[in-house]
Amino acid sequence: MQSQSSTTSSPRLTSKRIRLWYGLLVLVVAVFLVRLFYLQIIRHDYYSQAALAGQLKEYEIEPVRGVIEAHDGDKRLPIVLNETRYTLFADPKFINDPRTAASAIQLIIGGQAKDYEQKMKVNSRYSVLAKKLSKDQKNELDNLHLKGIGTRETSHRTYPQDSLAAQLLGFVNDEGNGKYGIEQYYNDQLKGAPGRLKAITDAQGVPLLSDQDNVLKPAQNGRDIVLTIDVSIQRQVEDILKAGLEAAKSKSGSVVIIDPNSGAVKAMANYPSYNPAEFYKVEDANVFNNAVVSSPLEVGSAMKTLTATAALDQGVVTTNSTYYDPSQFTVDTYTITNIEEDGGAGTRTLADILQLSLNTGATWLLMQMGGGQINAQARNAWHSYMTKHFGLGQQTGIEQGYEAAGFIPDPIKGYALNLQYANTAFGQGMSATPLQMAAALSSALNGGTYYRPRLIDAFVDKNNQQTLVQPVISRRRVVKPETSKTIQSLMEYVMQKNHVLYGLPQLPAGYSIGGKTGTAEITKPGGGYYDDRFNGVFVGFVGGDKPEYVIVVRVNEPHIDGYAGAKAAAPIFSSLAVMLINNFGVTPKTN
């Protein structure tokens, strides 16, 4: 019975298998037909375009980089422009005789034929042979009608003012990227966004002229930038700085001039400089750095202006305060002394501290912040003014790359803290950039508002619509308004007493000029100070009833007799102050 049941079920199973295979066959055919319909009807255009890939190449449309302008009195003057140049490229697929083509190219643009030949053999459909070609060279090359060789229009940076404000501006490298200065800081805004096009080629690979029908995505040109810099001021500052450094037998130095009532930088100069259009010729990369913002130094006695400001603002001293100056103080077993011309021990005033540049006087001011001695209270109070009020020890936020923060020692942690802080009171054992000192002094003089230093006045879009950059207030109530008036008067007093020493035989009548020197020892790499190497600093202002320009001068290692601050930096300041009064509309005093 079992064998009979097995025999009768076999035809039924066979019939089921046939129907199953038939159903699968119908399904496969249906899928094939649907796929064929999709490819031939629905996706016809897509695959037709893909089939032309051998004759269509996708290229990038280079955007026009934004122009950089600066003020020139009431006008605006372009100081960075774009120049049309041409790039020579090859499509190796269509080049049958690289050696002959390379030789023909070399006769027109120079260079090494073997280099061009090598580039024609790379495994790429787009190989750059040369850049920055002139229009005449482009026309000669196009007239050769070389298979697989073409030219593209490109733009390159040109600097009509040559080396003017070079470190501030930076440069654009061969890859089209900004390096250093404004060019790097605002690279994305200046550069814009590239577009895409399809350059149709003939059968020999020679690119044909493209038109708007070939543009897949239009380029977005970069934004133009207007700087706060005044070109005329900048040019004269650079001339005065160079002459002053030569007179001081110094190899390098810097100047920054800032509007204390807005934070706008009017001039920012370094020497030595370079031509951004020829950046590739620079052998020492340090020349690219903007030392005004990237190179902090111990500022020496120029710091005493801020020490006096802090003591006045806390109310621990007044302009009528006097004290007995012993001509030396012992702090943490170390002796603090003055320069030889301090006049010896005696009763001194706040004005004497600045005019005679007394280290002991700055130490005494710090003592007053601690109730009569240097202690944690004094250190914390002075640290608060240096960092939270004057913004030292932190970046200002200026629109420049590689800005340094400087250094302010911790008031609680460390060794010989009282000595460290006594040193900071007269500008040693701390460091700040010239820009930080300019911004700090501005806040001390303008009534107590810390404006973030800025180099940008406006952005301009493709429709020539201008967006003004408003002053940014980082801190208010840095000092009281009456403190500002007092420190202005004290700095004027210093200039009145010392102007001949500072290289200014006669003060211009009717104007307010104040300042303070700084001569700082230079630290050794392993610690300690050199006995015979100094930097000179001068911080000051010029104006009428209120300061209109704050100026900071730095002279690195002058090789002349006398103190670096007074003999090297101060004469540069004096020339700058007179230049601003004579040529740039400083408002005279009303009384």
Protein backbone atom coordinates (compact mmCIF):
# COMPACT_ATOMS: atom_id res chain seq x y z
CA MET A 1 0.00 0.00 0.00
CA GLN A 2 2.84 2.36 0.81
CA SER A 3 4.55 1.84 -2.57
CA GLN A 4 1.29 2.48 -4.48
CA SER A 5 0.77 5.85 -2.73
CA SER A 6 4.29 7.00 -3.66
CA THR A 7 3.81 6.13 -7.34
CA THR A 8 0.51 7.98 -7.80
CA SER A 9 1.87 11.30 -6.24
CA SER A 10 4.82 11.72 -8.65
CA PRO A 11 2.88 13.22 -11.67
CA ARG A 12 1.30 15.80 -9.37
CA LEU A 13 4.69 17.01 -8.10
CA THR A 14 6.04 17.29 -11.65
CA SER A 15 3.09 19.42 -12.72
CA LYS A 16 3.66 21.82 -9.79
CA ARG A 17 7.33 22.19 -10.66
CA ILE A 18 6.50 23.11 -14.27
CA ARG A 19 4.04 25.77 -13.18
CA LEU A 20 6.57 27.19 -10.70
CA TRP A 21 9.33 27.47 -13.31
CA TYR A 22 6.92 29.02 -15.80
CA GLY A 23 5.90 31.65 -13.23
CA LEU A 24 9.52 32.50 -12.48
CA LEU A 25 10.26 32.83 -16.19
CA VAL A 26 7.34 35.21 -16.67
CA LEU A 27 8.51 37.28 -13.67
CA VAL A 28 12.07 37.57 -15.03
CA VAL A 29 10.80 38.67 -18.44
CA ALA A 30 8.53 41.23 -16.82
CA VAL A 31 11.40 42.66 -14.74
CA PHE A 32 13.58 42.84 -17.84
CA LEU A 33 10.89 44.67 -19.81
CA VAL A 34 10.29 47.15 -16.98
CA ARG A 35 14.04 47.79 -16.66
CA LEU A 36 14.35 48.24 -20.44
CA PHE A 37 11.48 50.73 -20.40
CA TYR A 38 13.10 52.63 -17.51
CA LEU A 39 16.47 52.84 -19.25
CA GLN A 40 15.23 53.68 -22.75
CA ILE A 41 12.34 55.98 -21.93
CA ILE A 42 12.58 57.42 -18.45
CA ARG A 43 16.41 57.70 -18.17
CA HIS A 44 17.08 58.29 -21.85
CA ASP A 45 18.44 61.83 -21.45
CA TYR A 46 20.71 60.90 -18.57
CA TYR A 47 22.41 58.04 -20.37
CA SER A 48 22.60 59.99 -23.61
CA GLN A 49 24.61 62.64 -21.80
CA ALA A 50 26.79 60.03 -20.14
CA ALA A 51 27.56 58.56 -23.55
CA LEU A 52 29.06 61.93 -24.54
CA ALA A 53 31.52 61.88 -21.69
CA GLY A 54 34.39 61.45 -24.12
CA GLN A 55 33.62 64.85 -25.64
CA LEU A 56 32.44 66.72 -22.53
CA LYS A 57 34.78 67.74 -19.75
CA GLU A 58 33.68 69.49 -16.59
CA TYR A 59 35.78 72.50 -15.54
CA GLU A 60 35.72 74.90 -12.64
CA ILE A 61 34.74 78.53 -13.22
CA GLU A 62 37.07 80.64 -11.13
CA PRO A 63 35.34 83.39 -9.13
CA VAL A 64 36.76 86.88 -9.08
CA ARG A 65 38.50 87.52 -5.77
CA GLY A 66 37.28 90.54 -3.83
CA VAL A 67 39.14 93.84 -4.09
CA ILE A 68 40.67 95.44 -0.99
CA GLU A 69 40.38 99.20 -0.62
CA ALA A 70 41.57 101.72 1.95
CA HIS A 71 40.79 105.33 2.73
CA ASP A 72 42.74 108.16 1.20
CA GLY A 73 41.32 111.20 2.93
CA ASP A 74 37.67 111.46 1.82
CA LYS A 75 38.18 108.99 -1.04
CA ARG A 76 38.67 105.24 -1.29
CA LEU A 77 41.70 103.83 -3.03
CA PRO A 78 42.14 100.21 -4.20
CA ILE A 79 45.28 98.73 -2.72
CA VAL A 80 44.72 95.13 -3.85
CA LEU A 81 43.32 94.40 -7.32
CA ASN A 82 43.03 91.49 -9.73
CA GLU A 83 44.92 91.13 -12.99
CA THR A 84 43.80 88.88 -15.86
CA ARG A 85 46.30 86.16 -16.66
CA TYR A 86 46.09 82.78 -18.36
CA THR A 87 46.71 79.16 -17.41
CA LEU A 88 48.04 76.72 -20.00
CA PHE A 89 46.74 73.17 -19.63
CA ALA A 90 46.80 69.84 -21.43
CA ASP A 91 44.53 66.83 -21.89
CA PRO A 92 47.12 64.04 -22.29
CA LYS A 93 44.54 61.73 -23.90
CA PHE A 94 44.68 63.72 -27.15
CA ILE A 95 48.42 64.41 -27.28
CA ASN A 96 50.18 62.02 -29.65
CA ASP A 97 53.61 63.70 -29.73
CA PRO A 98 54.37 65.29 -26.31
CA ARG A 99 57.98 66.12 -27.21
CA THR A 100 57.07 68.19 -30.28
CA ALA A 101 54.25 69.95 -28.43
CA ALA A 102 56.51 70.72 -25.45
CA SER A 103 59.22 72.18 -27.69
CA ALA A 104 56.72 74.45 -29.43
CA ILE A 105 55.41 75.69 -26.08
CA GLN A 106 58.92 76.30 -24.72
CA LEU A 107 59.74 78.62 -27.63
CA ILE A 108 56.87 80.91 -26.60
CA ILE A 109 56.86 80.90 -22.80
CA GLY A 110 60.37 79.70 -21.95
CA GLY A 111 61.08 77.22 -19.21
CA GLN A 112 62.16 73.60 -19.72
CA ALA A 113 60.58 71.61 -22.55
CA LYS A 114 61.22 68.36 -20.68
CA ASP A 115 59.07 69.58 -17.79
CA TYR A 116 56.14 70.32 -20.12
CA GLU A 117 56.61 66.95 -21.81
CA GLN A 118 56.50 65.16 -18.46
CA LYS A 119 53.26 66.91 -17.51
CA MET A 120 51.69 65.79 -20.79
CA LYS A 121 52.25 62.15 -19.81
CA VAL A 122 50.44 62.16 -16.47
CA ASN A 123 47.40 59.98 -15.88
CA SER A 124 44.92 62.84 -15.84
CA ARG A 125 42.51 64.58 -18.19
CA TYR A 126 43.63 68.00 -16.94
CA SER A 127 47.29 68.83 -16.41
CA VAL A 128 48.46 72.39 -15.76
CA LEU A 129 51.56 73.28 -17.78
CA ALA A 130 52.05 76.95 -16.84
CA LYS A 131 50.35 79.80 -14.98
CA LYS A 132 50.25 83.58 -15.08
CA LEU A 133 50.77 83.86 -18.82
CA SER A 134 50.24 87.17 -20.60
CA LYS A 135 47.58 87.75 -23.23
CA ASP A 136 50.23 87.87 -25.97
CA GLN A 137 51.58 84.50 -24.87
CA LYS A 138 48.05 83.09 -24.77
CA ASN A 139 47.33 84.25 -28.32
CA GLU A 140 50.58 82.77 -29.65
CA LEU A 141 49.85 79.45 -27.97
CA ASP A 142 46.28 79.34 -29.27
CA ASN A 143 47.54 80.00 -32.79
CA LEU A 144 49.63 76.83 -32.63
CA HIS A 145 46.42 74.75 -32.64
CA LEU A 146 48.13 72.00 -30.67
CA LYS A 147 46.02 68.90 -30.09
CA GLY A 148 44.91 68.60 -26.45
CA ILE A 149 46.39 71.97 -25.44
CA GLY A 150 44.25 74.88 -24.23
CA THR A 151 44.32 78.11 -22.20
CA ARG A 152 42.03 79.40 -19.46
CA GLU A 153 41.51 82.92 -18.21
CA THR A 154 42.40 83.37 -14.54
CA SER A 155 42.82 86.32 -12.20
CA HIS A 156 45.86 87.02 -10.05
CA ARG A 157 46.50 89.50 -7.27
CA THR A 158 48.24 92.75 -8.04
CA TYR A 159 49.34 95.32 -5.46
CA PRO A 160 49.48 98.82 -7.01
CA GLN A 161 50.99 100.26 -3.82
CA ASP A 162 53.81 97.69 -3.89
CA SER A 163 54.94 96.88 -0.32
CA LEU A 164 52.55 99.28 1.43
CA ALA A 165 50.96 97.59 4.48
CA ALA A 166 52.30 94.23 3.26
CA GLN A 167 52.15 92.35 6.57
CA LEU A 168 48.67 93.69 7.24
CA LEU A 169 47.42 92.57 3.81
CA GLY A 170 49.20 89.23 3.37
CA PHE A 171 49.30 87.61 -0.07
CA VAL A 172 47.58 85.00 -2.26
CA ASN A 173 49.60 81.89 -3.16
CA ASP A 174 49.65 80.05 -6.47
CA GLU A 175 46.75 77.86 -5.35
CA GLY A 176 44.57 80.94 -4.88
CA ASN A 177 44.52 80.86 -1.08
CA GLY A 178 45.22 83.84 1.15
CA LYS A 179 48.23 83.62 3.42
CA TYR A 180 48.83 85.92 6.38
CA GLY A 181 47.06 89.19 7.08
CA ILE A 182 43.65 90.14 5.71
CA GLU A 183 44.04 87.81 2.73
CA GLN A 184 44.15 84.80 5.07
CA TYR A 185 41.77 86.01 7.77
CA TYR A 186 39.00 86.75 5.25
CA ASN A 187 40.02 84.20 2.62
CA ASP A 188 36.56 82.63 2.32
CA GLN A 189 34.79 85.98 1.93
CA LEU A 190 37.34 87.32 -0.55
CA LYS A 191 37.65 84.11 -2.52
CA GLY A 192 33.97 83.54 -3.27
CA ALA A 193 32.64 80.20 -4.54
CA PRO A 194 33.64 78.51 -7.84
CA GLY A 195 31.13 77.62 -10.53
CA ARG A 196 31.11 74.66 -12.95
CA LEU A 197 30.96 74.49 -16.73
CA LYS A 198 31.26 71.92 -19.46
CA ALA A 199 33.82 72.94 -22.05
CA ILE A 200 32.94 71.17 -25.28
CA THR A 201 35.93 69.76 -27.12
CA ASP A 202 36.40 68.74 -30.70
CA ALA A 203 37.50 65.28 -31.73
CA GLN A 204 41.15 66.27 -31.20
CA GLY A 205 40.56 67.38 -27.61
CA VAL A 206 41.00 71.08 -28.31
CA PRO A 207 38.60 72.95 -26.00
CA LEU A 208 36.08 75.11 -27.81
CA LEU A 209 34.87 78.44 -26.47
CA SER A 210 32.20 78.02 -23.85
CA ASP A 211 29.13 80.19 -23.47
CA GLN A 212 26.32 80.54 -20.95
CA ASP A 213 24.66 77.39 -22.31
CA ASN A 214 27.61 75.41 -20.95
CA VAL A 215 27.47 76.88 -17.43
CA LEU A 216 26.22 74.31 -14.98
CA LYS A 217 26.67 76.52 -11.92
CA PRO A 218 27.71 80.20 -12.04
CA ALA A 219 30.60 81.37 -9.88
CA GLN A 220 29.95 83.63 -6.90
CA ASN A 221 32.53 86.39 -6.82
CA GLY A 222 34.19 87.35 -3.53
CA ARG A 223 33.19 90.33 -1.44
CA ASP A 224 35.16 93.56 -1.58
CA ILE A 225 36.63 94.87 1.67
CA VAL A 226 37.24 98.46 2.76
CA LEU A 227 39.94 98.87 5.42
CA THR A 228 40.08 101.45 8.20
CA ILE A 229 43.64 102.26 7.11
CA ASP A 230 44.35 105.67 5.61
CA VAL A 231 46.79 105.18 2.73
CA SER A 232 48.43 108.59 3.13
CA ILE A 233 48.99 108.07 6.86
CA GLN A 234 50.24 104.53 6.26
CA ARG A 235 52.73 105.64 3.63
CA GLN A 236 54.19 108.39 5.81
CA VAL A 237 54.30 106.10 8.84
CA GLU A 238 56.33 103.56 6.90
CA ASP A 239 58.75 106.25 5.71
CA ILE A 240 59.17 107.68 9.22
CA LEU A 241 59.63 104.21 10.74
CA LYS A 242 62.30 103.24 8.23
CA ALA A 243 64.21 106.51 8.70
CA GLY A 244 63.95 106.22 12.49
CA LEU A 245 65.25 102.66 12.52
CA GLU A 246 68.18 103.63 10.32
CA ALA A 247 69.01 106.50 12.69
CA ALA A 248 68.82 104.12 15.66
CA LYS A 249 70.86 101.46 13.86
CA SER A 250 68.07 98.96 14.35
CA LYS A 251 67.20 96.19 11.90
CA SER A 252 63.49 96.01 12.67
CA GLY A 253 60.57 97.76 14.32
CA SER A 254 56.85 98.46 14.23
CA VAL A 255 54.27 101.23 14.57
CA VAL A 256 50.53 101.15 15.13
CA ILE A 257 48.21 104.16 15.15
CA ILE A 258 44.67 103.69 16.40
CA ASP A 259 41.60 105.88 16.85
CA PRO A 260 40.99 105.60 20.61
CA ASN A 261 37.33 106.54 20.18
CA SER A 262 36.37 103.71 17.83
CA GLY A 263 39.16 101.12 17.77
CA ALA A 264 39.76 101.76 14.05
CA VAL A 265 43.40 101.21 13.09
CA LYS A 266 44.66 104.08 10.93
CA ALA A 267 48.14 102.72 10.25
CA MET A 268 49.99 99.50 11.01
CA ALA A 269 53.57 99.23 9.80
CA ASN A 270 56.51 96.88 10.13
CA TYR A 271 60.06 97.00 8.87
CA PRO A 272 61.54 95.18 7.04
CA SER A 273 58.71 94.56 4.61
CA TYR A 274 58.17 92.83 1.25
CA ASN A 275 56.13 93.08 -1.95
CA PRO A 276 53.11 90.73 -1.72
CA ALA A 277 53.12 90.35 -5.51
CA GLU A 278 56.60 88.81 -5.20
CA PHE A 279 56.13 86.80 -2.01
CA TYR A 280 58.01 83.89 -3.55
CA LYS A 281 61.22 85.92 -3.45
CA VAL A 282 61.17 86.23 0.35
CA GLU A 283 63.87 84.09 1.96
CA ASP A 284 63.00 84.72 5.63
CA ALA A 285 59.39 83.72 6.36
CA ASN A 286 59.43 85.87 9.51
CA VAL A 287 59.03 88.89 7.23
CA PHE A 288 55.47 87.72 6.50
CA ASN A 289 54.46 88.06 10.17
CA ASN A 290 52.68 91.20 11.33
CA ALA A 291 54.79 91.90 14.42
CA VAL A 292 52.30 94.52 15.63
CA VAL A 293 49.90 91.68 16.49
CA SER A 294 52.01 88.51 16.53
CA SER A 295 55.20 89.42 18.39
CA PRO A 296 54.76 90.32 22.08
CA LEU A 297 57.59 91.86 24.07
CA GLU A 298 58.30 93.13 27.56
CA VAL A 299 57.26 96.77 27.21
CA GLY A 300 59.41 98.23 29.98
CA SER A 301 58.53 101.54 31.62
CA ALA A 302 55.77 102.25 29.10
CA MET A 303 53.73 100.00 31.40
CA LYS A 304 53.91 102.63 34.15
CA THR A 305 51.15 104.59 32.43
CA LEU A 306 48.76 101.68 33.03
CA THR A 307 50.06 101.06 36.56
CA ALA A 308 49.39 104.69 37.45
CA THR A 309 45.97 104.51 35.77
CA ALA A 310 45.00 101.44 37.83
CA ALA A 311 46.15 103.00 41.11
CA LEU A 312 44.29 106.25 40.36
CA ASP A 313 41.13 104.42 39.37
CA GLN A 314 41.12 102.39 42.60
CA GLY A 315 41.44 105.61 44.57
CA VAL A 316 44.58 104.47 46.41
CA VAL A 317 46.52 107.50 45.08
CA THR A 318 45.69 110.94 43.72
CA THR A 319 47.63 113.54 41.78
CA ASN A 320 48.38 115.18 45.13
CA SER A 321 49.84 112.03 46.69
CA THR A 322 53.49 112.14 47.75
CA TYR A 323 55.79 109.51 49.18
CA TYR A 324 59.40 109.14 50.21
CA ASP A 325 61.28 107.26 47.52
CA PRO A 326 64.38 105.54 48.95
CA SER A 327 65.71 104.95 45.41
CA GLN A 328 65.52 101.19 45.99
CA PHE A 329 63.17 98.58 47.41
CA THR A 330 63.87 95.03 48.50
CA VAL A 331 61.22 92.55 47.38
CA ASP A 332 61.57 88.80 47.97
CA THR A 333 65.27 89.36 48.78
CA TYR A 334 65.85 91.11 45.43
CA THR A 335 66.65 94.81 45.11
CA ILE A 336 64.65 97.02 42.75
CA THR A 337 66.51 100.14 41.65
CA ASN A 338 66.11 103.04 39.22
CA ILE A 339 68.13 104.40 36.34
CA GLU A 340 71.07 106.64 37.21
CA GLU A 341 69.16 109.83 36.37
CA ASP A 342 66.47 109.31 39.03
CA GLY A 343 67.80 112.14 41.21
CA GLY A 344 68.40 109.92 44.22
CA ALA A 345 66.23 109.39 47.27
CA GLY A 346 63.63 112.02 48.09
CA THR A 347 59.97 112.94 48.21
CA ARG A 348 58.21 112.14 44.97
CA THR A 349 54.83 112.70 43.34
CA LEU A 350 52.78 110.66 40.89
CA ALA A 351 53.97 112.96 38.10
CA ASP A 352 57.58 112.30 39.12
CA ILE A 353 57.07 108.56 38.82
CA LEU A 354 56.18 108.93 35.15
CA GLN A 355 58.46 111.81 34.22
CA LEU A 356 61.56 110.32 35.90
CA SER A 357 60.46 106.76 35.04
CA LEU A 358 60.95 105.44 38.58
CA ASN A 359 60.85 101.67 38.97
CA THR A 360 60.61 102.22 42.69
CA GLY A 361 57.68 104.54 42.05
CA ALA A 362 55.82 101.86 40.09
CA THR A 363 56.59 99.43 42.93
CA TRP A 364 55.18 101.95 45.41
CA LEU A 365 51.99 102.23 43.35
CA LEU A 366 51.59 98.46 43.52
CA MET A 367 52.09 98.62 47.28
CA GLN A 368 49.22 101.08 47.56
CA MET A 369 46.95 98.59 45.84
CA GLY A 370 47.72 96.21 48.72
CA GLY A 371 47.16 98.72 51.50
CA GLY A 372 50.83 99.69 51.77
CA GLN A 373 52.64 96.51 50.84
CA ILE A 374 52.88 93.99 48.04
CA ASN A 375 50.64 91.10 48.96
CA ALA A 376 47.87 88.92 47.52
CA GLN A 377 45.47 91.87 47.58
CA ALA A 378 47.87 94.01 45.54
CA ARG A 379 48.63 91.21 43.10
CA ASN A 380 44.97 90.36 42.53
CA ALA A 381 43.99 94.00 42.10
CA TRP A 382 46.77 94.68 39.58
CA HIS A 383 46.12 91.38 37.77
CA SER A 384 42.44 92.32 37.43
CA TYR A 385 43.29 95.66 35.84
CA MET A 386 45.86 94.17 33.48
CA THR A 387 43.57 91.40 32.23
CA LYS A 388 39.91 92.27 32.88
CA HIS A 389 40.22 96.02 32.37
CA PHE A 390 43.06 96.53 29.88
CA GLY A 391 42.71 93.21 28.05
CA LEU A 392 46.32 92.09 28.38
CA GLY A 393 47.16 88.40 28.30
CA GLN A 394 44.47 87.71 25.68
CA GLN A 395 43.93 88.27 21.98
CA THR A 396 42.27 91.53 20.97
CA GLY A 397 40.29 89.94 18.14
CA ILE A 398 41.89 92.02 15.37
CA GLU A 399 41.26 90.69 11.86
CA GLN A 400 44.71 89.14 11.50
CA GLY A 401 46.03 85.61 11.68
CA TYR A 402 48.57 84.44 14.24
CA GLU A 403 47.64 87.07 16.84
CA ALA A 404 49.55 86.51 20.09
CA ALA A 405 47.98 86.77 23.53
CA GLY A 406 51.08 87.92 25.39
CA PHE A 407 51.76 86.87 28.96
CA ILE A 408 50.57 88.04 32.38
CA PRO A 409 51.76 85.94 35.36
CA ASP A 410 49.29 84.28 37.68
CA PRO A 411 48.83 86.30 40.90
CA ILE A 412 48.43 83.22 43.12
CA LYS A 413 50.55 80.42 41.71
CA GLY A 414 54.28 80.64 41.22
CA TYR A 415 57.61 81.52 42.80
CA ALA A 416 58.59 84.91 44.23
CA LEU A 417 55.18 86.30 43.33
CA ASN A 418 55.69 89.66 44.98
CA LEU A 419 58.86 90.21 42.94
CA GLN A 420 57.15 89.04 39.77
CA TYR A 421 54.35 91.53 40.25
CA ALA A 422 56.68 94.36 41.19
CA ASN A 423 58.43 93.70 37.87
CA THR A 424 55.17 93.79 35.93
CA ALA A 425 54.43 97.22 37.39
CA PHE A 426 57.33 98.59 35.35
CA GLY A 427 56.88 96.31 32.33
CA GLN A 428 59.22 93.38 32.99
CA GLY A 429 58.21 89.76 33.53
CA MET A 430 55.13 90.24 31.33
CA SER A 431 54.64 90.71 27.62
CA ALA A 432 52.21 92.44 25.29
CA THR A 433 52.01 93.26 21.60
CA PRO A 434 52.11 96.86 20.37
CA LEU A 435 48.44 96.49 19.42
CA GLN A 436 47.47 95.33 22.91
CA MET A 437 49.24 98.33 24.41
CA ALA A 438 47.51 100.69 21.95
CA ALA A 439 44.08 99.26 22.76
CA ALA A 440 44.72 99.31 26.52
CA LEU A 441 45.99 102.90 26.51
CA SER A 442 43.04 103.95 24.35
CA SER A 443 40.61 102.63 26.96
CA ALA A 444 42.52 104.44 29.68
CA LEU A 445 42.36 107.74 27.79
CA ASN A 446 38.92 107.78 26.15
CA GLY A 447 36.81 107.77 29.32
CA GLY A 448 36.93 104.04 30.01
CA THR A 449 35.60 102.19 26.93
CA TYR A 450 37.59 99.31 25.46
CA TYR A 451 36.94 99.19 21.72
CA ARG A 452 38.04 96.05 19.99
CA PRO A 453 40.77 97.05 17.53
CA ARG A 454 39.60 96.61 13.95
CA LEU A 455 40.91 96.87 10.42
CA ILE A 456 37.63 96.52 8.51
CA ASP A 457 35.43 99.51 7.77
CA ALA A 458 32.97 97.91 5.35
CA PHE A 459 32.11 94.93 3.15
CA VAL A 460 30.81 95.47 -0.40
CA ASP A 461 28.77 92.80 -2.24
CA LYS A 462 28.39 92.10 -5.98
CA ASN A 463 25.60 94.68 -6.22
CA ASN A 464 27.90 97.34 -4.73
CA GLN A 465 25.82 97.34 -1.56
CA GLN A 466 27.96 98.42 1.36
CA THR A 467 27.69 96.96 4.85
CA LEU A 468 29.45 99.15 7.38
CA VAL A 469 31.30 97.51 10.27
CA GLN A 470 30.33 99.22 13.49
CA PRO A 471 32.75 99.69 16.41
CA VAL A 472 32.61 96.80 18.85
CA ILE A 473 32.72 97.62 22.55
CA SER A 474 34.40 94.77 24.41
CA ARG A 475 34.28 96.36 27.86
CA ARG A 476 32.75 99.42 29.45
CA ARG A 477 33.83 101.21 32.62
CA VAL A 478 37.46 100.16 32.18
CA VAL A 479 38.29 103.25 34.22
CA LYS A 480 36.30 106.22 35.46
CA PRO A 481 36.06 109.26 33.15
CA GLU A 482 37.92 111.39 35.69
CA THR A 483 40.74 108.83 35.70
CA SER A 484 41.09 109.27 31.94
CA LYS A 485 41.41 113.03 32.28
CA THR A 486 44.04 112.65 34.98
CA ILE A 487 46.25 110.18 33.10
CA GLN A 488 46.00 112.37 29.99
CA SER A 489 47.29 115.34 31.97
CA LEU A 490 50.08 113.28 33.51
CA MET A 491 51.25 112.02 30.12
CA GLU A 492 51.15 115.57 28.77
CA TYR A 493 53.33 116.62 31.70
CA VAL A 494 55.89 113.94 30.80
CA MET A 495 56.04 115.23 27.23
CA GLN A 496 56.33 118.85 28.36
CA LYS A 497 59.29 117.99 30.56
CA ASN A 498 61.05 115.59 28.20
CA HIS A 499 60.14 116.65 24.64
CA VAL A 500 63.68 117.81 23.81
CA LEU A 501 65.06 114.48 25.02
CA TYR A 502 62.44 112.79 22.83
CA GLY A 503 63.64 114.54 19.67
CA LEU A 504 61.02 117.30 19.57
CA PRO A 505 62.67 120.71 20.04
CA GLN A 506 59.35 122.51 20.42
CA LEU A 507 55.86 121.22 21.17
CA PRO A 508 53.23 122.27 18.59
CA ALA A 509 51.13 125.02 20.17
CA GLY A 510 47.45 124.38 20.76
CA TYR A 511 47.57 120.59 20.75
CA SER A 512 47.68 117.86 23.36
CA ILE A 513 50.64 115.49 23.09
CA GLY A 514 51.50 112.96 25.78
CA GLY A 515 53.63 109.90 26.04
CA LYS A 516 55.90 107.57 27.95
CA THR A 517 59.07 105.71 27.07
CA GLY A 518 59.96 102.11 27.76
CA THR A 519 63.37 100.46 27.67
CA ALA A 520 63.13 96.74 28.27
CA GLU A 521 65.83 94.15 28.76
CA ILE A 522 65.61 91.21 26.37
CA THR A 523 65.17 87.76 27.85
CA LYS A 524 67.60 84.95 27.13
CA PRO A 525 66.18 81.72 25.68
CA GLY A 526 67.15 79.78 28.81
CA GLY A 527 66.00 82.44 31.27
CA GLY A 528 67.41 85.67 32.63
CA TYR A 529 68.25 88.82 30.67
CA TYR A 530 71.02 89.99 28.39
CA ASP A 531 73.14 92.76 29.89
CA ASP A 532 73.60 94.65 26.63
CA ARG A 533 70.49 94.03 24.54
CA PHE A 534 67.36 96.17 24.84
CA ASN A 535 64.15 97.00 23.00
CA GLY A 536 62.74 100.51 22.88
CA VAL A 537 59.02 101.30 23.22
CA PHE A 538 57.03 104.51 23.21
CA VAL A 539 53.31 104.82 23.95
CA GLY A 540 51.57 108.13 23.45
CA PHE A 541 48.77 110.14 21.94
CA VAL A 542 48.04 113.33 20.02
CA GLY A 543 44.84 115.36 19.94
CA GLY A 544 43.15 118.50 21.11
CA ASP A 545 40.68 118.53 23.98
CA LYS A 546 40.71 114.74 23.79
CA PRO A 547 43.13 112.22 22.27
CA GLU A 548 42.45 111.55 18.59
CA TYR A 549 45.29 109.18 17.78
CA VAL A 550 47.03 106.69 20.06
CA ILE A 551 50.50 105.70 18.85
CA VAL A 552 52.75 102.82 19.88
CA VAL A 553 56.31 102.55 18.54
CA ARG A 554 58.61 99.55 18.87
CA VAL A 555 62.33 99.53 18.04
CA ASN A 556 64.16 96.23 18.30
CA GLU A 557 67.73 96.29 19.64
CA PRO A 558 68.95 99.75 18.61
CA HIS A 559 72.72 100.22 18.57
CA ILE A 560 73.10 103.82 19.70
CA ASP A 561 74.04 105.44 22.99
CA GLY A 562 71.32 106.17 25.50
CA TYR A 563 68.15 104.42 26.56
CA ALA A 564 66.32 102.62 23.75
CA GLY A 565 62.94 104.10 24.63
CA ALA A 566 64.09 107.72 24.76
CA LYS A 567 66.76 107.72 22.06
CA ALA A 568 65.34 105.25 19.51
CA ALA A 569 61.54 104.97 19.90
CA ALA A 570 60.66 108.46 21.15
CA PRO A 571 62.04 110.38 18.12
CA ILE A 572 59.90 108.22 15.83
CA PHE A 573 56.84 109.04 17.94
CA SER A 574 57.66 112.75 17.84
CA SER A 575 57.89 112.71 14.04
CA LEU A 576 54.61 110.82 13.80
CA ALA A 577 52.83 113.26 16.11
CA VAL A 578 53.98 116.28 14.10
CA MET A 579 53.04 114.55 10.85
CA LEU A 580 49.50 113.89 12.08
CA ILE A 581 49.05 117.46 13.31
CA ASN A 582 50.39 119.01 10.11
CA ASN A 583 48.65 116.78 7.59
CA PHE A 584 45.65 114.97 9.01
CA GLY A 585 43.32 117.41 10.67
CA VAL A 586 43.97 116.97 14.36
CA THR A 587 41.52 119.25 16.14
CA PRO A 588 43.24 121.97 18.23
CA LYS A 589 42.33 122.63 21.83
CA THR A 590 39.43 125.00 22.38
CA ASN A 591 41.12 126.73 25.34
